[in-house]
Amino acid sequence: MNKQELVDAVAAKTGDSKAATGETIDAVIAAITGALTKGKTVQLIGFGSFSTGARAARVGRNPATGAEIQIPAAKTVKFTAGKAFKDAVNGA
């Protein structure tokens, strides 16, 4: 499912216009992104949690030449599914 299909599905379920639903979904994504950018965790009970982690700098290897390269440290985004979400996906 891509973003437009998500907008269509949510608009059909709520009865709102597709334009309003698209703006709402954009606002939710922006709020989650903003919180994670500030280092906060976003918990949606029954769905899951978004958080950030750290990946240390490391030495990698160019597969074409075999030369070593430095891979810089980076922040990562983690999603942990909630119990209700896991149960729904697994059909429990």
N, C-alpha and C. Protein backbone atom coordinates (compact mmCIF):
# COMPACT_ATOMS: atom_id res chain seq x y z
N MET A 1 0.85 -1.17 0.00
CA MET A 1 0.00 0.00 0.00
C MET A 1 0.90 1.23 0.00
N ASN A 2 0.66 2.13 -0.93
CA ASN A 2 1.41 3.37 -0.95
C ASN A 2 0.61 4.47 -0.24
N LYS A 3 1.15 5.68 -0.19
CA LYS A 3 0.51 6.75 0.56
C LYS A 3 -0.87 7.09 0.00
N GLN A 4 -1.01 7.15 -1.30
CA GLN A 4 -2.31 7.49 -1.89
C GLN A 4 -3.36 6.43 -1.57
N GLU A 5 -2.96 5.17 -1.61
CA GLU A 5 -3.89 4.10 -1.25
C GLU A 5 -4.28 4.18 0.22
N LEU A 6 -3.33 4.59 1.07
CA LEU A 6 -3.64 4.79 2.49
C LEU A 6 -4.63 5.92 2.66
N VAL A 7 -4.42 7.02 1.97
CA VAL A 7 -5.34 8.16 2.03
C VAL A 7 -6.73 7.71 1.58
N ASP A 8 -6.81 6.99 0.49
CA ASP A 8 -8.10 6.51 -0.01
C ASP A 8 -8.80 5.61 1.00
N ALA A 9 -8.05 4.70 1.63
CA ALA A 9 -8.64 3.76 2.58
C ALA A 9 -9.14 4.48 3.83
N VAL A 10 -8.34 5.42 4.34
CA VAL A 10 -8.74 6.15 5.54
C VAL A 10 -9.93 7.06 5.24
N ALA A 11 -9.92 7.73 4.08
CA ALA A 11 -11.03 8.60 3.70
C ALA A 11 -12.32 7.80 3.57
N ALA A 12 -12.24 6.61 3.00
CA ALA A 12 -13.44 5.78 2.86
C ALA A 12 -13.96 5.33 4.22
N LYS A 13 -13.06 5.05 5.15
CA LYS A 13 -13.45 4.58 6.48
C LYS A 13 -14.06 5.70 7.33
N THR A 14 -13.49 6.92 7.21
CA THR A 14 -13.95 8.03 8.04
C THR A 14 -15.03 8.87 7.40
N GLY A 15 -15.13 8.82 6.09
CA GLY A 15 -16.12 9.64 5.39
C GLY A 15 -15.63 11.06 5.12
N ASP A 16 -14.40 11.37 5.49
CA ASP A 16 -13.82 12.68 5.21
C ASP A 16 -13.35 12.75 3.76
N SER A 17 -13.07 13.96 3.30
CA SER A 17 -12.58 14.11 1.93
C SER A 17 -11.15 13.58 1.85
N LYS A 18 -10.75 13.22 0.64
CA LYS A 18 -9.38 12.72 0.44
C LYS A 18 -8.36 13.82 0.71
N ALA A 19 -8.70 15.07 0.38
CA ALA A 19 -7.78 16.18 0.62
C ALA A 19 -7.54 16.37 2.11
N ALA A 20 -8.61 16.38 2.90
CA ALA A 20 -8.49 16.55 4.35
C ALA A 20 -7.75 15.37 4.97
N THR A 21 -8.05 14.19 4.50
CA THR A 21 -7.37 12.99 5.01
C THR A 21 -5.88 13.03 4.69
N GLY A 22 -5.53 13.45 3.48
CA GLY A 22 -4.13 13.58 3.09
C GLY A 22 -3.39 14.57 3.97
N GLU A 23 -4.03 15.70 4.28
CA GLU A 23 -3.41 16.69 5.15
C GLU A 23 -3.22 16.14 6.56
N THR A 24 -4.18 15.38 7.03
CA THR A 24 -4.09 14.78 8.37
C THR A 24 -2.95 13.78 8.43
N ILE A 25 -2.86 12.93 7.43
CA ILE A 25 -1.77 11.94 7.40
C ILE A 25 -0.42 12.64 7.31
N ASP A 26 -0.32 13.69 6.50
CA ASP A 26 0.92 14.47 6.43
C ASP A 26 1.27 15.08 7.78
N ALA A 27 0.26 15.58 8.51
CA ALA A 27 0.49 16.18 9.83
C ALA A 27 0.96 15.14 10.83
N VAL A 28 0.39 13.94 10.78
CA VAL A 28 0.82 12.86 11.68
C VAL A 28 2.27 12.48 11.40
N ILE A 29 2.61 12.33 10.14
CA ILE A 29 3.98 11.98 9.77
C ILE A 29 4.95 13.08 10.21
N ALA A 30 4.55 14.34 10.02
CA ALA A 30 5.41 15.46 10.42
C ALA A 30 5.59 15.50 11.93
N ALA A 31 4.54 15.21 12.69
CA ALA A 31 4.64 15.21 14.15
C ALA A 31 5.57 14.09 14.64
N ILE A 32 5.44 12.91 14.05
CA ILE A 32 6.32 11.80 14.42
C ILE A 32 7.76 12.12 14.06
N THR A 33 7.98 12.65 12.86
CA THR A 33 9.33 13.01 12.42
C THR A 33 9.93 14.08 13.32
N GLY A 34 9.14 15.08 13.68
CA GLY A 34 9.63 16.15 14.55
C GLY A 34 10.03 15.64 15.92
N ALA A 35 9.21 14.76 16.49
CA ALA A 35 9.52 14.21 17.81
C ALA A 35 10.80 13.37 17.76
N LEU A 36 10.94 12.54 16.73
CA LEU A 36 12.13 11.70 16.62
C LEU A 36 13.38 12.54 16.37
N THR A 37 13.24 13.62 15.62
CA THR A 37 14.36 14.51 15.35
C THR A 37 14.88 15.12 16.66
N LYS A 38 13.97 15.37 17.60
CA LYS A 38 14.35 15.92 18.90
C LYS A 38 14.81 14.85 19.88
N GLY A 39 14.84 13.59 19.44
CA GLY A 39 15.31 12.51 20.29
C GLY A 39 14.23 11.90 21.18
N LYS A 40 12.98 12.26 20.97
CA LYS A 40 11.89 11.72 21.77
C LYS A 40 11.40 10.40 21.19
N THR A 41 10.60 9.68 21.97
CA THR A 41 9.98 8.44 21.53
C THR A 41 8.51 8.70 21.31
N VAL A 42 7.94 8.09 20.28
CA VAL A 42 6.50 8.21 20.00
C VAL A 42 5.87 6.84 20.23
N GLN A 43 4.94 6.76 21.18
CA GLN A 43 4.26 5.51 21.48
C GLN A 43 2.80 5.63 21.08
N LEU A 44 2.35 4.72 20.26
CA LEU A 44 0.95 4.63 19.87
C LEU A 44 0.44 3.32 20.44
N ILE A 45 -0.26 3.40 21.57
CA ILE A 45 -0.70 2.21 22.28
C ILE A 45 -1.53 1.33 21.35
N GLY A 46 -1.20 0.06 21.31
CA GLY A 46 -1.88 -0.89 20.46
C GLY A 46 -1.28 -1.00 19.07
N PHE A 47 -0.47 -0.02 18.69
CA PHE A 47 0.16 -0.05 17.36
C PHE A 47 1.65 -0.31 17.47
N GLY A 48 2.37 0.58 18.17
CA GLY A 48 3.80 0.39 18.32
C GLY A 48 4.51 1.65 18.76
N SER A 49 5.83 1.58 18.80
CA SER A 49 6.66 2.69 19.25
C SER A 49 7.72 3.01 18.21
N PHE A 50 7.92 4.30 18.00
CA PHE A 50 9.00 4.79 17.15
C PHE A 50 10.05 5.38 18.08
N SER A 51 11.31 5.05 17.86
CA SER A 51 12.39 5.61 18.66
C SER A 51 13.64 5.73 17.79
N THR A 52 14.66 6.37 18.36
CA THR A 52 15.90 6.51 17.62
C THR A 52 16.98 5.68 18.30
N GLY A 53 17.96 5.31 17.53
CA GLY A 53 19.11 4.57 18.04
C GLY A 53 20.36 5.14 17.42
N ALA A 54 21.49 4.62 17.81
CA ALA A 54 22.77 5.10 17.29
C ALA A 54 23.52 3.94 16.65
N ARG A 55 24.09 4.22 15.52
CA ARG A 55 24.95 3.25 14.84
C ARG A 55 26.37 3.82 14.88
N ALA A 56 27.29 3.07 15.42
CA ALA A 56 28.67 3.54 15.57
C ALA A 56 29.38 3.62 14.22
N ALA A 57 30.40 4.45 14.17
CA ALA A 57 31.24 4.53 12.97
C ALA A 57 31.97 3.20 12.82
N ARG A 58 32.21 2.82 11.60
CA ARG A 58 32.87 1.54 11.38
C ARG A 58 33.62 1.57 10.05
N VAL A 59 34.42 0.55 9.87
CA VAL A 59 35.18 0.41 8.62
C VAL A 59 34.43 -0.58 7.75
N GLY A 60 34.16 -0.18 6.52
CA GLY A 60 33.49 -1.07 5.56
C GLY A 60 34.43 -1.39 4.41
N ARG A 61 33.93 -2.12 3.46
CA ARG A 61 34.77 -2.51 2.33
C ARG A 61 33.98 -2.29 1.04
N ASN A 62 34.62 -1.65 0.07
CA ASN A 62 34.01 -1.46 -1.24
C ASN A 62 34.00 -2.83 -1.94
N PRO A 63 32.81 -3.37 -2.26
CA PRO A 63 32.78 -4.70 -2.85
C PRO A 63 33.41 -4.78 -4.24
N ALA A 64 33.45 -3.67 -4.96
CA ALA A 64 34.03 -3.70 -6.30
C ALA A 64 35.56 -3.72 -6.27
N THR A 65 36.14 -2.91 -5.37
CA THR A 65 37.60 -2.79 -5.37
C THR A 65 38.25 -3.47 -4.18
N GLY A 66 37.50 -3.72 -3.14
CA GLY A 66 38.06 -4.32 -1.93
C GLY A 66 38.72 -3.31 -1.01
N ALA A 67 38.69 -2.02 -1.40
CA ALA A 67 39.31 -0.98 -0.59
C ALA A 67 38.47 -0.72 0.66
N GLU A 68 39.17 -0.43 1.76
CA GLU A 68 38.47 -0.11 2.99
C GLU A 68 37.96 1.33 2.93
N ILE A 69 36.76 1.55 3.48
CA ILE A 69 36.20 2.90 3.54
C ILE A 69 35.67 3.12 4.96
N GLN A 70 35.67 4.36 5.38
CA GLN A 70 35.12 4.72 6.68
C GLN A 70 33.64 5.02 6.53
N ILE A 71 32.83 4.35 7.32
CA ILE A 71 31.40 4.61 7.33
C ILE A 71 31.13 5.42 8.60
N PRO A 72 30.59 6.64 8.46
CA PRO A 72 30.42 7.49 9.63
C PRO A 72 29.29 7.00 10.56
N ALA A 73 29.33 7.47 11.79
CA ALA A 73 28.27 7.17 12.74
C ALA A 73 26.97 7.79 12.24
N ALA A 74 25.84 7.17 12.59
CA ALA A 74 24.55 7.68 12.13
C ALA A 74 23.47 7.36 13.15
N LYS A 75 22.40 8.16 13.13
CA LYS A 75 21.22 7.85 13.92
C LYS A 75 20.32 6.95 13.09
N THR A 76 19.63 6.05 13.76
CA THR A 76 18.71 5.17 13.07
C THR A 76 17.33 5.33 13.68
N VAL A 77 16.31 4.95 12.94
CA VAL A 77 14.94 4.98 13.43
C VAL A 77 14.51 3.54 13.64
N LYS A 78 13.92 3.29 14.82
CA LYS A 78 13.45 1.94 15.15
C LYS A 78 11.94 1.97 15.30
N PHE A 79 11.29 0.90 14.87
CA PHE A 79 9.86 0.73 15.13
C PHE A 79 9.69 -0.61 15.81
N THR A 80 9.01 -0.59 16.94
CA THR A 80 8.70 -1.81 17.66
C THR A 80 7.19 -1.97 17.66
N ALA A 81 6.72 -3.05 17.08
CA ALA A 81 5.28 -3.28 16.99
C ALA A 81 4.70 -3.59 18.36
N GLY A 82 3.50 -3.06 18.61
CA GLY A 82 2.80 -3.33 19.86
C GLY A 82 2.13 -4.69 19.83
N LYS A 83 1.72 -5.16 20.99
CA LYS A 83 1.12 -6.49 21.11
C LYS A 83 -0.15 -6.62 20.27
N ALA A 84 -1.04 -5.63 20.34
CA ALA A 84 -2.29 -5.72 19.59
C ALA A 84 -2.03 -5.77 18.09
N PHE A 85 -1.04 -5.00 17.63
CA PHE A 85 -0.68 -4.99 16.21
C PHE A 85 -0.11 -6.33 15.79
N LYS A 86 0.79 -6.88 16.60
CA LYS A 86 1.36 -8.19 16.30
C LYS A 86 0.28 -9.27 16.24
N ASP A 87 -0.64 -9.21 17.23
CA ASP A 87 -1.72 -10.20 17.26
C ASP A 87 -2.61 -10.10 16.04
N ALA A 88 -2.91 -8.87 15.59
CA ALA A 88 -3.75 -8.67 14.41
C ALA A 88 -3.06 -9.22 13.17
N VAL A 89 -1.77 -8.98 13.04
CA VAL A 89 -1.02 -9.47 11.87
C VAL A 89 -0.94 -10.99 11.87
N ASN A 90 -0.78 -11.58 13.04
CA ASN A 90 -0.64 -13.02 13.16
C ASN A 90 -1.98 -13.74 13.23
N GLY A 91 -3.07 -12.99 13.19
CA GLY A 91 -4.39 -13.62 13.16
C GLY A 91 -4.84 -14.19 14.48
N ALA A 92 -4.25 -13.72 15.56
CA ALA A 92 -4.64 -14.25 16.88
C ALA A 92 -5.88 -13.55 17.40
